Amino acid sequence: MAAIAPDGNLDHPDAPEGFERRRSRWPLVLLGIFVLFAFVSLGYTMFARSVVYYKTPTEVLSMPGEHVRLSGTVIPGSITNDVNTGVVTFTVTDPEGTEIKVLYEGAAPDTLKDEAEAVAEGSLATDGTFHAEKLFARCPSKFSAKTPTPGA
């Protein structure tokens, strides 16, 4: 029968004198795999939550009640801002021609203008109005190509 040495190692009767049995590395390997898996899954979860795709008005119409991020072009002349109630309403459209009225309670961003790209986060109500909780207006690209003028 083997005895436990003072240093905590198990003495093997057939082992040469001064030989110490190595401790198993499996617990460290398993711990390393677990930590790596935890970091990878945490990173994936954080990335998946931060990536939010924009939905067009056509897509949002088929998703009433779902919390989505709507993106569309503001129709000229549709912006109304009631300063007494703090409600901003406007209509956005997409290339398919679908229009959705957006209602937002709060201050409108300065960049919310006619024909600007507006992004609203919220949900579509049963009456067809999109109730936004957050509202962003993206600036038009300053690097768009100029169309040549005739005779120039």
C-alpha atoms as a PDB file:
ATOM      1  CA  MET A   1       0.000   0.000   0.000  1.00  0.00           C
ATOM      2  CA  ALA A   2       1.223   3.448  -0.899  1.00  0.00           C
ATOM      3  CA  ALA A   3       1.853   6.075   1.704  1.00  0.00           C
ATOM      4  CA  ILE A   4       1.415   9.814   1.504  1.00  0.00           C
ATOM      5  CA  ALA A   5       4.700  11.665   1.682  1.00  0.00           C
ATOM      6  CA  PRO A   6       5.097  14.787   3.854  1.00  0.00           C
ATOM      7  CA  ASP A   7       5.000  17.001   0.760  1.00  0.00           C
ATOM      8  CA  GLY A   8       1.525  15.689  -0.150  1.00  0.00           C
ATOM      9  CA  ASN A   9       2.617  13.438  -3.020  1.00  0.00           C
ATOM     10  CA  LEU A  10       1.641   9.820  -3.138  1.00  0.00           C
ATOM     11  CA  ASP A  11       4.642   7.526  -2.697  1.00  0.00           C
ATOM     12  CA  HIS A  12       4.572   4.667  -5.125  1.00  0.00           C
ATOM     13  CA  PRO A  13       6.386   1.590  -3.837  1.00  0.00           C
ATOM     14  CA  ASP A  14       8.055   0.899  -7.223  1.00  0.00           C
ATOM     15  CA  ALA A  15       9.172   4.494  -7.842  1.00  0.00           C
ATOM     16  CA  PRO A  16      12.881   5.267  -7.605  1.00  0.00           C
ATOM     17  CA  GLU A  17      14.044   7.330  -4.705  1.00  0.00           C
ATOM     18  CA  GLY A  18      13.504  11.085  -5.239  1.00  0.00           C
ATOM     19  CA  PHE A  19      10.824  10.513  -7.866  1.00  0.00           C
ATOM     20  CA  GLU A  20       7.733  12.657  -7.426  1.00  0.00           C
ATOM     21  CA  ARG A  21       4.512  11.938  -9.212  1.00  0.00           C
ATOM     22  CA  ARG A  22       3.261  14.822 -11.331  1.00  0.00           C
ATOM     23  CA  ARG A  23      -0.089  16.272 -10.539  1.00  0.00           C
ATOM     24  CA  SER A  24      -2.682  15.967 -13.268  1.00  0.00           C
ATOM     25  CA  ARG A  25      -3.093  18.970 -15.557  1.00  0.00           C
ATOM     26  CA  TRP A  26      -6.669  18.059 -16.489  1.00  0.00           C
ATOM     27  CA  PRO A  27      -8.290  20.429 -13.976  1.00  0.00           C
ATOM     28  CA  LEU A  28      -6.324  23.362 -15.437  1.00  0.00           C
ATOM     29  CA  VAL A  29      -7.108  22.305 -19.002  1.00  0.00           C
ATOM     30  CA  LEU A  30     -10.822  21.992 -18.201  1.00  0.00           C
ATOM     31  CA  LEU A  31     -10.808  25.361 -16.430  1.00  0.00           C
ATOM     32  CA  GLY A  32      -9.110  26.969 -19.438  1.00  0.00           C
ATOM     33  CA  ILE A  33     -11.666  25.472 -21.831  1.00  0.00           C
ATOM     34  CA  PHE A  34     -14.515  26.670 -19.614  1.00  0.00           C
ATOM     35  CA  VAL A  35     -13.124  30.224 -19.400  1.00  0.00           C
ATOM     36  CA  LEU A  36     -12.554  30.324 -23.170  1.00  0.00           C
ATOM     37  CA  PHE A  37     -16.110  29.100 -23.803  1.00  0.00           C
ATOM     38  CA  ALA A  38     -17.482  31.712 -21.374  1.00  0.00           C
ATOM     39  CA  PHE A  39     -15.620  34.552 -23.157  1.00  0.00           C
ATOM     40  CA  VAL A  40     -16.684  33.381 -26.610  1.00  0.00           C
ATOM     41  CA  SER A  41     -20.341  33.021 -25.616  1.00  0.00           C
ATOM     42  CA  LEU A  42     -20.333  36.397 -23.829  1.00  0.00           C
ATOM     43  CA  GLY A  43     -18.748  38.079 -26.847  1.00  0.00           C
ATOM     44  CA  TYR A  44     -21.236  36.499 -29.232  1.00  0.00           C
ATOM     45  CA  THR A  45     -24.197  37.510 -27.055  1.00  0.00           C
ATOM     46  CA  MET A  46     -23.002  41.097 -26.773  1.00  0.00           C
ATOM     47  CA  PHE A  47     -22.374  41.296 -30.525  1.00  0.00           C
ATOM     48  CA  ALA A  48     -25.766  39.785 -31.380  1.00  0.00           C
ATOM     49  CA  ARG A  49     -27.560  42.275 -29.131  1.00  0.00           C
ATOM     50  CA  SER A  50     -25.680  45.274 -30.468  1.00  0.00           C
ATOM     51  CA  VAL A  51     -26.323  44.465 -34.124  1.00  0.00           C
ATOM     52  CA  VAL A  52     -29.761  45.806 -34.881  1.00  0.00           C
ATOM     53  CA  TYR A  53     -30.937  45.733 -38.424  1.00  0.00           C
ATOM     54  CA  TYR A  54     -33.108  48.485 -39.803  1.00  0.00           C
ATOM     55  CA  LYS A  55     -36.500  47.536 -41.145  1.00  0.00           C
ATOM     56  CA  THR A  56     -38.119  49.326 -44.061  1.00  0.00           C
ATOM     57  CA  PRO A  57     -41.715  50.570 -43.840  1.00  0.00           C
ATOM     58  CA  THR A  58     -42.780  47.641 -46.039  1.00  0.00           C
ATOM     59  CA  GLU A  59     -41.227  45.153 -43.582  1.00  0.00           C
ATOM     60  CA  VAL A  60     -42.619  46.934 -40.493  1.00  0.00           C
ATOM     61  CA  LEU A  61     -46.206  46.743 -41.787  1.00  0.00           C
ATOM     62  CA  SER A  62     -46.036  42.964 -41.451  1.00  0.00           C
ATOM     63  CA  MET A  63     -44.733  43.203 -37.860  1.00  0.00           C
ATOM     64  CA  PRO A  64     -47.354  45.049 -35.773  1.00  0.00           C
ATOM     65  CA  GLY A  65     -46.543  45.229 -32.083  1.00  0.00           C
ATOM     66  CA  GLU A  66     -42.928  44.057 -32.475  1.00  0.00           C
ATOM     67  CA  HIS A  67     -40.125  46.275 -31.200  1.00  0.00           C
ATOM     68  CA  VAL A  68     -38.076  47.223 -34.274  1.00  0.00           C
ATOM     69  CA  ARG A  69     -35.854  49.925 -35.691  1.00  0.00           C
ATOM     70  CA  LEU A  70     -37.600  51.609 -38.640  1.00  0.00           C
ATOM     71  CA  SER A  71     -35.575  53.410 -41.288  1.00  0.00           C
ATOM     72  CA  GLY A  72     -37.013  55.498 -44.092  1.00  0.00           C
ATOM     73  CA  THR A  73     -36.875  58.753 -45.995  1.00  0.00           C
ATOM     74  CA  VAL A  74     -38.919  61.633 -44.563  1.00  0.00           C
ATOM     75  CA  ILE A  75     -41.631  62.725 -46.987  1.00  0.00           C
ATOM     76  CA  PRO A  76     -41.342  66.466 -47.721  1.00  0.00           C
ATOM     77  CA  GLY A  77     -43.913  68.575 -45.867  1.00  0.00           C
ATOM     78  CA  SER A  78     -44.940  65.791 -43.460  1.00  0.00           C
ATOM     79  CA  ILE A  79     -43.069  66.979 -40.363  1.00  0.00           C
ATOM     80  CA  THR A  80     -45.241  68.560 -37.680  1.00  0.00           C
ATOM     81  CA  ASN A  81     -43.872  69.598 -34.317  1.00  0.00           C
ATOM     82  CA  ASP A  82     -46.372  70.472 -31.570  1.00  0.00           C
ATOM     83  CA  VAL A  83     -44.307  72.395 -29.018  1.00  0.00           C
ATOM     84  CA  ASN A  84     -47.189  72.495 -26.496  1.00  0.00           C
ATOM     85  CA  THR A  85     -47.469  68.708 -26.218  1.00  0.00           C
ATOM     86  CA  GLY A  86     -43.907  67.893 -27.279  1.00  0.00           C
ATOM     87  CA  VAL A  87     -45.089  65.526 -30.009  1.00  0.00           C
ATOM     88  CA  VAL A  88     -43.343  65.245 -33.362  1.00  0.00           C
ATOM     89  CA  THR A  89     -45.052  63.465 -36.250  1.00  0.00           C
ATOM     90  CA  PHE A  90     -43.786  62.780 -39.735  1.00  0.00           C
ATOM     91  CA  THR A  91     -44.156  60.198 -42.473  1.00  0.00           C
ATOM     92  CA  VAL A  92     -41.389  57.992 -43.831  1.00  0.00           C
ATOM     93  CA  THR A  93     -41.281  56.023 -47.048  1.00  0.00           C
ATOM     94  CA  ASP A  94     -39.102  53.391 -48.697  1.00  0.00           C
ATOM     95  CA  PRO A  95     -38.164  52.657 -52.315  1.00  0.00           C
ATOM     96  CA  GLU A  96     -41.280  50.463 -52.665  1.00  0.00           C
ATOM     97  CA  GLY A  97     -43.465  53.493 -51.904  1.00  0.00           C
ATOM     98  CA  THR A  98     -44.843  52.243 -48.578  1.00  0.00           C
ATOM     99  CA  GLU A  99     -45.532  55.074 -46.132  1.00  0.00           C
ATOM    100  CA  ILE A 100     -45.754  54.938 -42.334  1.00  0.00           C
ATOM    101  CA  LYS A 101     -46.651  57.809 -40.019  1.00  0.00           C
ATOM    102  CA  VAL A 102     -44.229  58.103 -37.085  1.00  0.00           C
ATOM    103  CA  LEU A 103     -45.206  59.635 -33.743  1.00  0.00           C
ATOM    104  CA  TYR A 104     -42.496  60.604 -31.258  1.00  0.00           C
ATOM    105  CA  GLU A 105     -42.939  62.266 -27.870  1.00  0.00           C
ATOM    106  CA  GLY A 106     -39.902  64.436 -27.285  1.00  0.00           C
ATOM    107  CA  ALA A 107     -37.661  66.949 -28.954  1.00  0.00           C
ATOM    108  CA  ALA A 108     -36.979  66.329 -32.608  1.00  0.00           C
ATOM    109  CA  PRO A 109     -33.327  66.095 -33.648  1.00  0.00           C
ATOM    110  CA  ASP A 110     -32.006  69.134 -35.523  1.00  0.00           C
ATOM    111  CA  THR A 111     -31.129  66.913 -38.470  1.00  0.00           C
ATOM    112  CA  LEU A 112     -34.751  65.789 -38.970  1.00  0.00           C
ATOM    113  CA  LYS A 113     -35.534  67.492 -42.263  1.00  0.00           C
ATOM    114  CA  ASP A 114     -37.490  66.775 -45.434  1.00  0.00           C
ATOM    115  CA  GLU A 115     -35.966  63.956 -47.491  1.00  0.00           C
ATOM    116  CA  ALA A 116     -33.536  63.080 -44.674  1.00  0.00           C
ATOM    117  CA  GLU A 117     -33.008  59.518 -43.530  1.00  0.00           C
ATOM    118  CA  ALA A 118     -34.881  59.011 -40.244  1.00  0.00           C
ATOM    119  CA  VAL A 119     -34.425  56.070 -37.876  1.00  0.00           C
ATOM    120  CA  ALA A 120     -37.093  55.434 -35.238  1.00  0.00           C
ATOM    121  CA  GLU A 121     -36.998  52.712 -32.617  1.00  0.00           C
ATOM    122  CA  GLY A 122     -40.361  51.501 -31.333  1.00  0.00           C
ATOM    123  CA  SER A 123     -43.383  49.522 -32.515  1.00  0.00           C
ATOM    124  CA  LEU A 124     -46.258  49.745 -34.968  1.00  0.00           C
ATOM    125  CA  ALA A 125     -49.656  50.285 -33.316  1.00  0.00           C
ATOM    126  CA  THR A 126     -52.877  48.689 -34.548  1.00  0.00           C
ATOM    127  CA  ASP A 127     -53.967  52.025 -36.056  1.00  0.00           C
ATOM    128  CA  GLY A 128     -50.947  51.946 -38.428  1.00  0.00           C
ATOM    129  CA  THR A 129     -48.953  54.635 -36.607  1.00  0.00           C
ATOM    130  CA  PHE A 130     -45.406  53.835 -35.580  1.00  0.00           C
ATOM    131  CA  HIS A 131     -44.863  54.918 -31.951  1.00  0.00           C
ATOM    132  CA  ALA A 132     -41.187  55.728 -31.540  1.00  0.00           C
ATOM    133  CA  GLU A 133     -39.347  55.573 -28.227  1.00  0.00           C
ATOM    134  CA  LYS A 134     -36.083  56.804 -29.764  1.00  0.00           C
ATOM    135  CA  LEU A 135     -35.595  58.966 -32.820  1.00  0.00           C
ATOM    136  CA  PHE A 136     -32.470  59.562 -34.879  1.00  0.00           C
ATOM    137  CA  ALA A 137     -31.986  61.449 -38.109  1.00  0.00           C
ATOM    138  CA  ARG A 138     -29.014  60.580 -40.213  1.00  0.00           C
ATOM    139  CA  CYS A 139     -27.272  63.317 -42.145  1.00  0.00           C
ATOM    140  CA  PRO A 140     -27.186  62.905 -45.905  1.00  0.00           C
ATOM    141  CA  SER A 141     -23.843  61.742 -47.216  1.00  0.00           C
ATOM    142  CA  LYS A 142     -21.519  64.599 -48.083  1.00  0.00           C
ATOM    143  CA  PHE A 143     -19.614  62.328 -50.417  1.00  0.00           C
ATOM    144  CA  SER A 144     -22.385  61.538 -52.903  1.00  0.00           C
ATOM    145  CA  ALA A 145     -21.521  61.804 -56.547  1.00  0.00           C
ATOM    146  CA  LYS A 146     -22.534  64.996 -58.320  1.00  0.00           C
ATOM    147  CA  THR A 147     -24.684  64.642 -61.374  1.00  0.00           C
ATOM    148  CA  PRO A 148     -23.219  66.439 -64.365  1.00  0.00           C
ATOM    149  CA  THR A 149     -25.095  69.514 -65.476  1.00  0.00           C
ATOM    150  CA  PRO A 150     -25.886  69.781 -69.174  1.00  0.00           C
ATOM    151  CA  GLY A 151     -23.622  72.166 -71.043  1.00  0.00           C
ATOM    152  CA  ALA A 152     -21.054  72.341 -68.279  1.00  0.00           C
END
